Structures are given as structure tokens and as C-alpha cells.
Amino acid sequence: MVLRQTTSSKLELKVTGVPFKNPHFIKKELPVSLITFNTSKTFSMNIENIVTEKNITHMEAVLDYCQRNELEPDTVGNLISKSLKEKIEANARDLNFLPKQAQLPI
């Protein structure tokens, strides 16, 4: 029995040479990208690299990462560290997506 994902992002199971497309009783394996970046620290470092390379916001970098690795943004929520959340929030405030907070003049 062989379980693999085809290029058309369908799960395929071959049992003695007979392909079965998307059987509902088989759980899909984790994508390679989640196995590679399984800690929030390495995921955050990867997002920071994307931000500096492409000169985009942190939220755009997370979405770009998800698109390149064919992931749903919901699946990487547990990999976002506290500091990365704060940076995403700061970017959102700068773009007026969130109300401004009072800041001390420094």
C-alpha cells in the first residue's frame, strides 16, 4: 500500500496497482513544510527572511509562505510566535487596519 499526494493536490492510494482517489477513510499526511518548520522559532525566522527579501509586511509574508507551500493560513496559526504576532499587529496598526494606540513620545 502506497500513500502519496499527486501534483493535482489529490491524495492517491495504490493497492496492488489499483489507484483510489481521495479515500475518505485515510488521513492526509502533514506537508513537508510543516515537518521542516515544526517550531515557532524556525517558522518566525523563515517569515523574517521573507520580509527582508521581498520588503513586505509580516502578514503578507505569512500568506506568501502559505501560498508557496500550498497551505491554508489556518494551519500555521500555532507556529506564529508572540513576537511575530506583535509585529503583525504593529503592521496592521501602521496600515490603519486596527485603531491606533497611545504611544509615549520617545
N, C-alpha and C. Protein backbone atom coordinates (compact mmCIF):
# COMPACT_ATOMS: atom_id res chain seq x y z
N MET A 1 0.85 -1.15 0.00
CA MET A 1 0.00 0.00 0.00
C MET A 1 0.90 1.24 0.00
N VAL A 2 0.66 2.17 -0.91
CA VAL A 2 1.45 3.38 -1.03
C VAL A 2 0.51 4.58 -0.98
N LEU A 3 0.83 5.54 -0.11
CA LEU A 3 0.04 6.75 0.02
C LEU A 3 0.90 7.92 -0.40
N ARG A 4 0.46 8.69 -1.39
CA ARG A 4 1.22 9.85 -1.84
C ARG A 4 0.27 10.92 -2.33
N GLN A 5 0.81 12.15 -2.43
CA GLN A 5 0.00 13.26 -2.92
C GLN A 5 0.41 13.55 -4.35
N THR A 6 -0.56 13.62 -5.25
CA THR A 6 -0.26 13.86 -6.64
C THR A 6 -0.10 15.35 -6.88
N THR A 7 0.35 15.72 -8.09
CA THR A 7 0.57 17.13 -8.40
C THR A 7 -0.73 17.92 -8.42
N SER A 8 -1.83 17.28 -8.65
CA SER A 8 -3.11 17.98 -8.65
C SER A 8 -3.67 18.10 -7.24
N SER A 9 -2.81 17.95 -6.23
CA SER A 9 -3.12 18.04 -4.80
C SER A 9 -4.27 17.12 -4.39
N LYS A 10 -4.32 15.95 -4.99
CA LYS A 10 -5.27 14.93 -4.57
C LYS A 10 -4.48 13.80 -3.93
N LEU A 11 -5.05 13.24 -2.91
CA LEU A 11 -4.42 12.12 -2.23
C LEU A 11 -4.70 10.86 -3.03
N GLU A 12 -3.68 10.06 -3.25
CA GLU A 12 -3.84 8.86 -4.06
C GLU A 12 -3.31 7.66 -3.29
N LEU A 13 -4.06 6.59 -3.28
CA LEU A 13 -3.67 5.36 -2.63
C LEU A 13 -3.60 4.27 -3.68
N LYS A 14 -2.47 3.57 -3.72
CA LYS A 14 -2.33 2.47 -4.68
C LYS A 14 -2.19 1.17 -3.89
N VAL A 15 -3.11 0.29 -4.11
CA VAL A 15 -3.07 -1.03 -3.50
C VAL A 15 -3.01 -2.02 -4.65
N THR A 16 -1.92 -2.73 -4.74
CA THR A 16 -1.66 -3.69 -5.81
C THR A 16 -1.94 -3.09 -7.19
N GLY A 17 -1.48 -1.84 -7.38
CA GLY A 17 -1.56 -1.20 -8.69
C GLY A 17 -2.90 -0.58 -9.03
N VAL A 18 -3.88 -0.63 -8.14
CA VAL A 18 -5.19 -0.05 -8.42
C VAL A 18 -5.29 1.29 -7.68
N PRO A 19 -5.38 2.44 -8.43
CA PRO A 19 -5.44 3.73 -7.74
C PRO A 19 -6.83 4.04 -7.21
N PHE A 20 -6.89 4.55 -6.00
CA PHE A 20 -8.13 5.04 -5.41
C PHE A 20 -7.93 6.52 -5.12
N LYS A 21 -8.76 7.39 -5.68
CA LYS A 21 -8.61 8.83 -5.50
C LYS A 21 -9.35 9.29 -4.25
N ASN A 22 -8.65 10.03 -3.39
CA ASN A 22 -9.20 10.67 -2.20
C ASN A 22 -10.11 9.78 -1.35
N PRO A 23 -9.63 8.68 -0.84
CA PRO A 23 -10.49 7.87 0.03
C PRO A 23 -10.75 8.63 1.32
N HIS A 24 -11.99 8.65 1.77
CA HIS A 24 -12.37 9.43 2.93
C HIS A 24 -11.88 8.83 4.24
N PHE A 25 -11.47 7.59 4.24
CA PHE A 25 -11.06 6.94 5.47
C PHE A 25 -9.57 7.06 5.74
N ILE A 26 -8.81 7.72 4.89
CA ILE A 26 -7.37 7.85 5.07
C ILE A 26 -7.06 9.29 5.46
N LYS A 27 -6.27 9.45 6.51
CA LYS A 27 -5.87 10.79 6.93
C LYS A 27 -4.70 11.25 6.07
N LYS A 28 -4.73 12.51 5.70
CA LYS A 28 -3.68 13.10 4.90
C LYS A 28 -2.45 13.36 5.78
N GLU A 29 -1.26 13.10 5.24
CA GLU A 29 -0.03 13.33 5.99
C GLU A 29 0.26 14.82 6.07
N LEU A 30 1.08 15.21 7.05
CA LEU A 30 1.47 16.61 7.18
C LEU A 30 2.32 17.02 5.98
N PRO A 31 2.14 18.24 5.50
CA PRO A 31 3.01 18.71 4.42
C PRO A 31 4.46 18.77 4.88
N VAL A 32 5.37 18.63 3.94
CA VAL A 32 6.79 18.63 4.25
C VAL A 32 7.20 19.93 4.92
N SER A 33 6.61 21.05 4.52
CA SER A 33 6.99 22.35 5.08
C SER A 33 6.68 22.42 6.57
N LEU A 34 5.59 21.81 7.03
CA LEU A 34 5.27 21.83 8.45
C LEU A 34 6.19 20.91 9.23
N ILE A 35 6.67 19.86 8.59
CA ILE A 35 7.61 18.97 9.25
C ILE A 35 8.96 19.68 9.37
N THR A 36 9.35 20.40 8.34
CA THR A 36 10.62 21.11 8.34
C THR A 36 10.61 22.26 9.35
N PHE A 37 9.54 23.04 9.38
CA PHE A 37 9.45 24.19 10.27
C PHE A 37 8.44 23.87 11.37
N ASN A 38 8.80 22.93 12.22
CA ASN A 38 7.86 22.49 13.23
C ASN A 38 7.92 23.29 14.52
N THR A 39 8.84 24.25 14.64
CA THR A 39 8.86 25.09 15.82
C THR A 39 8.53 26.52 15.43
N SER A 40 8.00 27.26 16.39
CA SER A 40 7.64 28.65 16.09
C SER A 40 8.88 29.49 15.84
N LYS A 41 10.00 29.12 16.44
CA LYS A 41 11.23 29.89 16.24
C LYS A 41 11.73 29.79 14.79
N THR A 42 11.79 28.58 14.26
CA THR A 42 12.26 28.42 12.88
C THR A 42 11.26 28.99 11.89
N PHE A 43 9.97 28.85 12.19
CA PHE A 43 8.94 29.43 11.32
C PHE A 43 9.07 30.95 11.30
N SER A 44 9.25 31.56 12.47
CA SER A 44 9.39 33.01 12.56
C SER A 44 10.64 33.50 11.84
N MET A 45 11.71 32.76 11.96
CA MET A 45 12.93 33.13 11.24
C MET A 45 12.72 33.08 9.74
N ASN A 46 11.99 32.07 9.28
CA ASN A 46 11.69 31.96 7.86
C ASN A 46 10.84 33.14 7.40
N ILE A 47 9.85 33.53 8.19
CA ILE A 47 9.00 34.67 7.85
C ILE A 47 9.82 35.96 7.82
N GLU A 48 10.71 36.13 8.79
CA GLU A 48 11.58 37.32 8.82
C GLU A 48 12.46 37.39 7.58
N ASN A 49 12.95 36.25 7.10
CA ASN A 49 13.75 36.23 5.87
C ASN A 49 12.92 36.67 4.68
N ILE A 50 11.67 36.22 4.61
CA ILE A 50 10.79 36.61 3.51
C ILE A 50 10.53 38.12 3.56
N VAL A 51 10.33 38.65 4.78
CA VAL A 51 10.06 40.09 4.94
C VAL A 51 11.24 40.91 4.42
N THR A 52 12.46 40.53 4.79
CA THR A 52 13.62 41.30 4.36
C THR A 52 13.92 41.12 2.88
N GLU A 53 13.71 39.92 2.34
CA GLU A 53 13.98 39.68 0.92
C GLU A 53 13.01 40.42 0.01
N LYS A 54 11.73 40.38 0.35
CA LYS A 54 10.71 40.93 -0.53
C LYS A 54 10.22 42.32 -0.12
N ASN A 55 10.68 42.81 1.04
CA ASN A 55 10.27 44.11 1.56
C ASN A 55 8.74 44.22 1.65
N ILE A 56 8.13 43.26 2.33
CA ILE A 56 6.68 43.22 2.52
C ILE A 56 6.37 43.14 4.02
N THR A 57 5.10 43.28 4.37
CA THR A 57 4.72 43.20 5.78
C THR A 57 4.78 41.74 6.25
N HIS A 58 4.73 41.57 7.55
CA HIS A 58 4.80 40.23 8.13
C HIS A 58 3.58 39.39 7.76
N MET A 59 2.41 40.01 7.74
CA MET A 59 1.20 39.28 7.36
C MET A 59 1.27 38.81 5.92
N GLU A 60 1.76 39.68 5.04
CA GLU A 60 1.92 39.30 3.63
C GLU A 60 2.94 38.17 3.50
N ALA A 61 3.97 38.20 4.34
CA ALA A 61 5.00 37.14 4.31
C ALA A 61 4.41 35.80 4.73
N VAL A 62 3.55 35.82 5.76
CA VAL A 62 2.91 34.57 6.20
C VAL A 62 2.02 34.03 5.08
N LEU A 63 1.25 34.92 4.45
CA LEU A 63 0.37 34.49 3.36
C LEU A 63 1.18 34.00 2.16
N ASP A 64 2.31 34.66 1.87
CA ASP A 64 3.18 34.24 0.78
C ASP A 64 3.76 32.86 1.07
N TYR A 65 4.19 32.65 2.32
CA TYR A 65 4.71 31.34 2.73
C TYR A 65 3.65 30.25 2.54
N CYS A 66 2.43 30.56 2.97
CA CYS A 66 1.34 29.58 2.85
C CYS A 66 1.04 29.28 1.38
N GLN A 67 1.05 30.30 0.55
CA GLN A 67 0.76 30.09 -0.87
C GLN A 67 1.85 29.26 -1.54
N ARG A 68 3.13 29.57 -1.24
CA ARG A 68 4.23 28.82 -1.86
C ARG A 68 4.25 27.36 -1.43
N ASN A 69 3.81 27.09 -0.21
CA ASN A 69 3.83 25.72 0.31
C ASN A 69 2.47 25.05 0.25
N GLU A 70 1.52 25.68 -0.44
CA GLU A 70 0.18 25.14 -0.62
C GLU A 70 -0.46 24.75 0.71
N LEU A 71 -0.44 25.71 1.65
CA LEU A 71 -1.03 25.52 2.97
C LEU A 71 -2.16 26.51 3.17
N GLU A 72 -3.10 26.12 4.01
CA GLU A 72 -4.14 27.05 4.43
C GLU A 72 -3.55 27.90 5.56
N PRO A 73 -3.83 29.21 5.57
CA PRO A 73 -3.28 30.04 6.65
C PRO A 73 -3.70 29.58 8.04
N ASP A 74 -4.84 28.91 8.17
CA ASP A 74 -5.28 28.40 9.47
C ASP A 74 -4.33 27.36 10.04
N THR A 75 -3.62 26.65 9.19
CA THR A 75 -2.77 25.56 9.65
C THR A 75 -1.48 26.03 10.28
N VAL A 76 -1.06 27.28 10.01
CA VAL A 76 0.19 27.76 10.58
C VAL A 76 -0.04 28.65 11.80
N GLY A 77 -1.26 28.77 12.26
CA GLY A 77 -1.58 29.63 13.39
C GLY A 77 -0.82 29.27 14.65
N ASN A 78 -0.63 27.98 14.90
CA ASN A 78 0.07 27.57 16.12
C ASN A 78 1.58 27.76 16.00
N LEU A 79 2.10 28.06 14.81
CA LEU A 79 3.53 28.28 14.63
C LEU A 79 3.92 29.75 14.78
N ILE A 80 2.94 30.63 14.87
CA ILE A 80 3.23 32.07 14.97
C ILE A 80 3.58 32.40 16.41
N SER A 81 4.78 32.90 16.62
CA SER A 81 5.26 33.21 17.96
C SER A 81 4.66 34.53 18.45
N LYS A 82 4.88 34.81 19.73
CA LYS A 82 4.34 36.04 20.32
C LYS A 82 4.95 37.27 19.66
N SER A 83 6.25 37.25 19.42
CA SER A 83 6.91 38.40 18.79
C SER A 83 6.42 38.62 17.36
N LEU A 84 6.17 37.51 16.64
CA LEU A 84 5.66 37.64 15.28
C LEU A 84 4.23 38.19 15.29
N LYS A 85 3.42 37.79 16.27
CA LYS A 85 2.07 38.34 16.41
C LYS A 85 2.12 39.84 16.67
N GLU A 86 3.06 40.26 17.52
CA GLU A 86 3.20 41.68 17.81
C GLU A 86 3.62 42.47 16.57
N LYS A 87 4.49 41.89 15.76
CA LYS A 87 4.92 42.56 14.53
C LYS A 87 3.77 42.65 13.53
N ILE A 88 2.98 41.59 13.43
CA ILE A 88 1.82 41.61 12.54
C ILE A 88 0.83 42.67 13.01
N GLU A 89 0.61 42.76 14.33
CA GLU A 89 -0.29 43.76 14.88
C GLU A 89 0.23 45.17 14.62
N ALA A 90 1.55 45.38 14.77
CA ALA A 90 2.13 46.70 14.51
C ALA A 90 1.99 47.08 13.04
N ASN A 91 2.20 46.13 12.14
CA ASN A 91 2.00 46.39 10.71
C ASN A 91 0.55 46.76 10.42
N ALA A 92 -0.37 46.07 11.07
CA ALA A 92 -1.80 46.34 10.86
C ALA A 92 -2.16 47.73 11.38
N ARG A 93 -1.58 48.14 12.50
CA ARG A 93 -1.83 49.49 13.03
C ARG A 93 -1.25 50.56 12.10
N ASP A 94 -0.07 50.31 11.55
CA ASP A 94 0.54 51.25 10.62
C ASP A 94 -0.30 51.42 9.35
N LEU A 95 -0.97 50.34 8.94
CA LEU A 95 -1.81 50.39 7.74
C LEU A 95 -3.25 50.78 8.05
N ASN A 96 -3.53 51.17 9.30
CA ASN A 96 -4.86 51.58 9.76
C ASN A 96 -5.90 50.47 9.67
N PHE A 97 -5.46 49.22 9.78
CA PHE A 97 -6.39 48.10 9.86
C PHE A 97 -6.92 47.94 11.28
N LEU A 98 -6.14 48.41 12.25
CA LEU A 98 -6.52 48.38 13.66
C LEU A 98 -6.42 49.82 14.19
N PRO A 99 -7.24 50.14 15.22
CA PRO A 99 -7.16 51.50 15.76
C PRO A 99 -5.79 51.76 16.41
N LYS A 100 -5.36 52.99 16.31
CA LYS A 100 -4.06 53.39 16.88
C LYS A 100 -4.15 53.36 18.40
N GLN A 101 -3.03 53.01 19.01
CA GLN A 101 -2.92 53.02 20.46
C GLN A 101 -2.05 54.20 20.87
N ALA A 102 -2.29 54.71 22.04
CA ALA A 102 -1.47 55.80 22.55
C ALA A 102 -0.03 55.32 22.77
N GLN A 103 0.91 56.13 22.29
CA GLN A 103 2.32 55.78 22.46
C GLN A 103 3.02 56.91 23.18
N LEU A 104 3.97 56.56 24.00
CA LEU A 104 4.75 57.56 24.70
C LEU A 104 5.74 58.20 23.74
N PRO A 105 5.87 59.53 23.79
CA PRO A 105 6.86 60.17 22.89
C PRO A 105 8.28 59.88 23.36
N ILE A 106 9.03 59.27 22.50
CA ILE A 106 10.41 58.91 22.85
C ILE A 106 11.35 59.51 21.82
